[in-house]
Amino acid sequence: MNPGSAAPVRRPAVFLDRDGTVAEEVGYVNHASRIRLLPRSAEAVKRLRSAGYLAVVVTNQAGVARDYFEERIVHQANQRLVELLSREGAALDAIYYCPHHPREGESPYRRDCQCRKPRPGMLHQAAQDLEIDLGGSYMVGDGMVDVGAARAAGVVPILVLTGYGRGHYEHRRSRWTVQPEHIAEDLFDAAEWILQRKRRPE
């Protein structure tokens, strides 16, 4: 750093799971046409970004390791997500995905990586790439792996009841080893909770 130069300003982010949170949960997305936005998710992304949060998708895509589809399909599905959001005036700042599985598949996809949620590797990589303030950030997802990744990265976890979320909440809550900070009906309600916390005086 040059003498007198200011340190980079780190921005908060909202990390978003893809399937079941922003897009419908349809099982393994082996074709881009299976990506469909959940109601109100585009509006939620718009509101978060307007409030100064980066919107960053972090998604496990172990179907690549399991040979259900090729890695190029993940790129096509992610591009479809970007296009659908754009049609409603919303945008993402980045998308990160993990194609690995620790026990299934062949090299290079069969590996015990740090990026597969509930490990926090994707969040840490995004924080490095985008200069994110993890301490002021959130993670929204429909799975307990999302909650676990959030806790491991030091961001606030929110469980949504879309996708697999309602089943996790109603039938498996007694087995949770990590707890969400908040439970929301969907991404829009999660965004509203985040924005209310931001407006709340200290």
Protein backbone atom coordinates (compact mmCIF):
# COMPACT_ATOMS: atom_id res chain seq x y z
CA MET A 1 0.00 0.00 0.00
CA ASN A 2 1.30 3.44 -0.86
CA PRO A 3 1.80 5.87 2.03
CA GLY A 4 -1.38 7.83 2.60
CA SER A 5 -3.54 5.56 0.44
CA ALA A 6 -6.80 4.43 1.98
CA ALA A 7 -7.59 0.80 2.67
CA PRO A 8 -10.23 -0.64 0.31
CA VAL A 9 -13.76 -0.25 1.58
CA ARG A 10 -15.28 -3.66 2.15
CA ARG A 11 -18.97 -4.02 1.33
CA PRO A 12 -21.48 -6.35 2.93
CA ALA A 13 -23.03 -9.11 0.87
CA VAL A 14 -26.02 -11.37 0.93
CA PHE A 15 -24.96 -14.86 -0.13
CA LEU A 16 -27.75 -16.77 -1.82
CA ASP A 17 -28.24 -20.46 -2.39
CA ARG A 18 -29.49 -21.06 -5.94
CA ASP A 19 -31.92 -23.98 -6.10
CA GLY A 20 -34.79 -23.70 -3.65
CA THR A 21 -33.92 -20.11 -2.71
CA VAL A 22 -33.66 -17.94 -5.83
CA ALA A 23 -34.85 -20.57 -8.30
CA GLU A 24 -37.33 -23.40 -7.86
CA GLU A 25 -36.05 -26.65 -6.37
CA VAL A 26 -36.47 -29.24 -9.13
CA GLY A 27 -33.81 -31.77 -8.18
CA TYR A 28 -30.63 -31.93 -10.23
CA VAL A 29 -30.67 -29.20 -12.87
CA ASN A 30 -29.42 -31.16 -15.88
CA HIS A 31 -30.72 -28.63 -18.42
CA ALA A 32 -30.82 -24.83 -18.29
CA SER A 33 -34.55 -24.83 -19.08
CA ARG A 34 -35.20 -26.27 -15.62
CA ILE A 35 -34.15 -22.99 -14.00
CA ARG A 36 -37.29 -21.08 -13.01
CA LEU A 37 -37.35 -18.13 -10.64
CA LEU A 38 -39.28 -18.39 -7.42
CA PRO A 39 -41.93 -15.67 -6.98
CA ARG A 40 -40.58 -12.40 -5.57
CA SER A 41 -36.94 -13.53 -5.71
CA ALA A 42 -35.99 -10.96 -8.37
CA GLU A 43 -37.59 -8.18 -6.35
CA ALA A 44 -35.68 -9.36 -3.28
CA VAL A 45 -32.37 -9.21 -5.13
CA LYS A 46 -33.19 -5.72 -6.41
CA ARG A 47 -34.00 -4.45 -2.93
CA LEU A 48 -30.85 -5.88 -1.41
CA ARG A 49 -28.59 -4.40 -4.06
CA SER A 50 -30.36 -1.04 -3.85
CA ALA A 51 -29.58 -1.05 -0.12
CA GLY A 52 -25.87 -1.53 -0.82
CA TYR A 53 -25.49 -5.29 -0.47
CA LEU A 54 -23.67 -7.40 -3.01
CA ALA A 55 -25.79 -10.34 -4.21
CA VAL A 56 -23.65 -13.46 -4.54
CA VAL A 57 -24.93 -16.94 -5.37
CA VAL A 58 -23.06 -19.87 -3.79
CA THR A 59 -24.33 -23.28 -4.89
CA ASN A 60 -23.34 -26.93 -4.49
CA GLN A 61 -23.53 -28.74 -7.83
CA ALA A 62 -22.42 -32.27 -7.01
CA GLY A 63 -24.33 -33.57 -10.01
CA VAL A 64 -21.12 -32.87 -11.92
CA ALA A 65 -19.10 -35.20 -9.69
CA ARG A 66 -21.87 -37.80 -9.84
CA ASP A 67 -21.79 -37.60 -13.66
CA TYR A 68 -25.44 -36.58 -13.88
CA PHE A 69 -24.42 -33.69 -16.14
CA GLU A 70 -21.30 -31.96 -17.42
CA GLU A 71 -19.84 -28.84 -15.86
CA ARG A 72 -20.86 -26.79 -18.89
CA ILE A 73 -24.49 -27.39 -17.90
CA VAL A 74 -23.85 -25.56 -14.62
CA HIS A 75 -22.59 -22.56 -16.58
CA GLN A 76 -25.63 -22.67 -18.86
CA ALA A 77 -28.02 -22.92 -15.91
CA ASN A 78 -26.30 -20.05 -14.14
CA GLN A 79 -26.51 -17.94 -17.29
CA ARG A 80 -30.22 -18.75 -17.52
CA LEU A 81 -30.62 -17.54 -13.94
CA VAL A 82 -28.85 -14.29 -14.78
CA GLU A 83 -31.07 -13.78 -17.82
CA LEU A 84 -34.31 -14.43 -15.92
CA LEU A 85 -33.31 -12.00 -13.18
CA SER A 86 -32.31 -9.41 -15.76
CA ARG A 87 -35.77 -9.57 -17.35
CA GLU A 88 -37.16 -8.40 -14.02
CA GLY A 89 -34.54 -5.71 -13.52
CA ALA A 90 -32.37 -7.64 -11.05
CA ALA A 91 -28.69 -8.56 -11.22
CA LEU A 92 -26.17 -10.68 -9.36
CA ASP A 93 -22.65 -9.59 -8.52
CA ALA A 94 -21.16 -13.07 -8.81
CA ILE A 95 -21.97 -16.78 -8.88
CA TYR A 96 -19.77 -19.43 -7.26
CA TYR A 97 -20.39 -23.15 -7.50
CA CYS A 98 -18.81 -26.33 -6.17
CA PRO A 99 -18.85 -29.31 -8.59
CA HIS A 100 -17.18 -31.72 -6.15
CA HIS A 101 -18.25 -34.64 -3.99
CA PRO A 102 -16.01 -36.19 -1.31
CA ARG A 103 -16.97 -39.83 -2.02
CA GLU A 104 -18.47 -40.08 -5.50
CA GLY A 105 -17.21 -39.58 -9.03
CA GLU A 106 -13.76 -39.48 -10.56
CA SER A 107 -10.86 -37.03 -10.50
CA PRO A 108 -10.85 -34.05 -10.54
CA TYR A 109 -14.40 -33.89 -9.15
CA ARG A 110 -14.06 -36.51 -6.43
CA ARG A 111 -12.30 -34.59 -3.69
CA ASP A 112 -12.74 -33.49 -0.10
CA CYS A 113 -12.77 -29.80 -0.97
CA GLN A 114 -13.22 -26.66 1.09
CA CYS A 115 -15.84 -25.17 -1.25
CA ARG A 116 -18.67 -27.65 -0.79
CA LYS A 117 -21.17 -26.29 1.72
CA PRO A 118 -21.37 -26.55 4.75
CA ARG A 119 -17.70 -25.64 4.45
CA PRO A 120 -17.20 -21.91 3.87
CA GLY A 121 -14.77 -21.97 0.95
CA MET A 122 -17.05 -20.29 -1.59
CA LEU A 123 -17.91 -17.51 0.84
CA HIS A 124 -14.25 -16.96 1.68
CA GLN A 125 -13.30 -16.90 -2.00
CA ALA A 126 -16.03 -14.37 -2.76
CA ALA A 127 -14.92 -12.24 0.18
CA GLN A 128 -11.40 -12.19 -1.23
CA ASP A 129 -12.45 -11.54 -4.83
CA LEU A 130 -15.09 -8.90 -4.11
CA GLU A 131 -13.64 -7.33 -0.93
CA ILE A 132 -16.66 -8.35 1.13
CA ASP A 133 -17.16 -7.50 4.78
CA LEU A 134 -18.16 -10.92 6.10
CA GLY A 135 -19.01 -9.50 9.52
CA GLY A 136 -21.81 -7.43 7.97
CA SER A 137 -23.04 -10.13 5.60
CA TYR A 138 -25.84 -12.71 5.45
CA MET A 139 -26.46 -16.12 3.93
CA VAL A 140 -29.93 -17.14 2.74
CA GLY A 141 -30.70 -20.73 1.84
CA ASP A 142 -33.20 -23.56 2.11
CA GLY A 143 -30.76 -26.12 3.54
CA MET A 144 -28.88 -26.66 6.75
CA VAL A 145 -25.66 -26.80 4.71
CA ASP A 146 -26.30 -23.11 4.00
CA VAL A 147 -26.71 -22.39 7.69
CA GLY A 148 -23.54 -24.32 8.44
CA ALA A 149 -21.52 -22.50 5.79
CA ALA A 150 -22.78 -19.17 7.12
CA ARG A 151 -21.79 -19.98 10.68
CA ALA A 152 -18.37 -21.22 9.55
CA ALA A 153 -17.76 -18.00 7.59
CA GLY A 154 -19.03 -15.70 10.34
CA VAL A 155 -22.07 -14.40 8.47
CA VAL A 156 -25.69 -14.33 9.64
CA PRO A 157 -27.68 -17.40 8.46
CA ILE A 158 -31.30 -17.23 7.35
CA LEU A 159 -33.30 -20.35 6.50
CA VAL A 160 -36.10 -19.94 3.96
CA LEU A 161 -39.11 -22.26 3.86
CA THR A 162 -39.05 -22.59 0.08
CA GLY A 163 -37.33 -25.58 -1.53
CA TYR A 164 -36.29 -28.08 1.13
CA GLY A 165 -36.54 -25.49 3.90
CA ARG A 166 -40.01 -26.30 5.19
CA GLY A 167 -39.17 -29.98 5.49
CA HIS A 168 -35.98 -29.19 7.38
CA TYR A 169 -37.92 -26.92 9.72
CA GLU A 170 -40.99 -29.07 10.37
CA HIS A 171 -39.45 -32.55 10.46
CA ARG A 172 -35.76 -32.25 11.32
CA ARG A 173 -35.51 -29.26 13.62
CA SER A 174 -34.78 -31.42 16.68
CA ARG A 175 -31.63 -32.73 14.95
CA TRP A 176 -30.13 -29.39 13.99
CA THR A 177 -26.55 -28.97 15.14
CA VAL A 178 -26.42 -25.35 13.95
CA GLN A 179 -29.20 -22.79 14.22
CA PRO A 180 -30.36 -20.14 11.75
CA GLU A 181 -30.58 -16.61 13.07
CA HIS A 182 -33.95 -16.16 11.38
CA ILE A 183 -36.51 -18.25 9.50
CA ALA A 184 -38.29 -16.59 6.57
CA GLU A 185 -41.08 -17.68 4.26
CA ASP A 186 -39.03 -16.91 1.17
CA LEU A 187 -36.17 -14.81 -0.15
CA PHE A 188 -38.30 -11.67 -0.26
CA ASP A 189 -39.20 -11.99 3.42
CA ALA A 190 -35.56 -12.71 4.22
CA ALA A 191 -34.54 -9.54 2.38
CA GLU A 192 -37.12 -7.51 4.29
CA TRP A 193 -35.76 -8.83 7.59
CA ILE A 194 -32.21 -7.92 6.56
CA LEU A 195 -33.27 -4.41 5.55
CA GLN A 196 -35.22 -3.91 8.79
CA ARG A 197 -32.11 -4.84 10.76
CA LYS A 198 -30.10 -2.36 8.72
CA ARG A 199 -32.59 0.42 9.45
CA ARG A 200 -32.80 -0.41 13.14
CA PRO A 201 -30.85 2.10 15.25
CA GLU A 202 -27.99 0.72 17.32
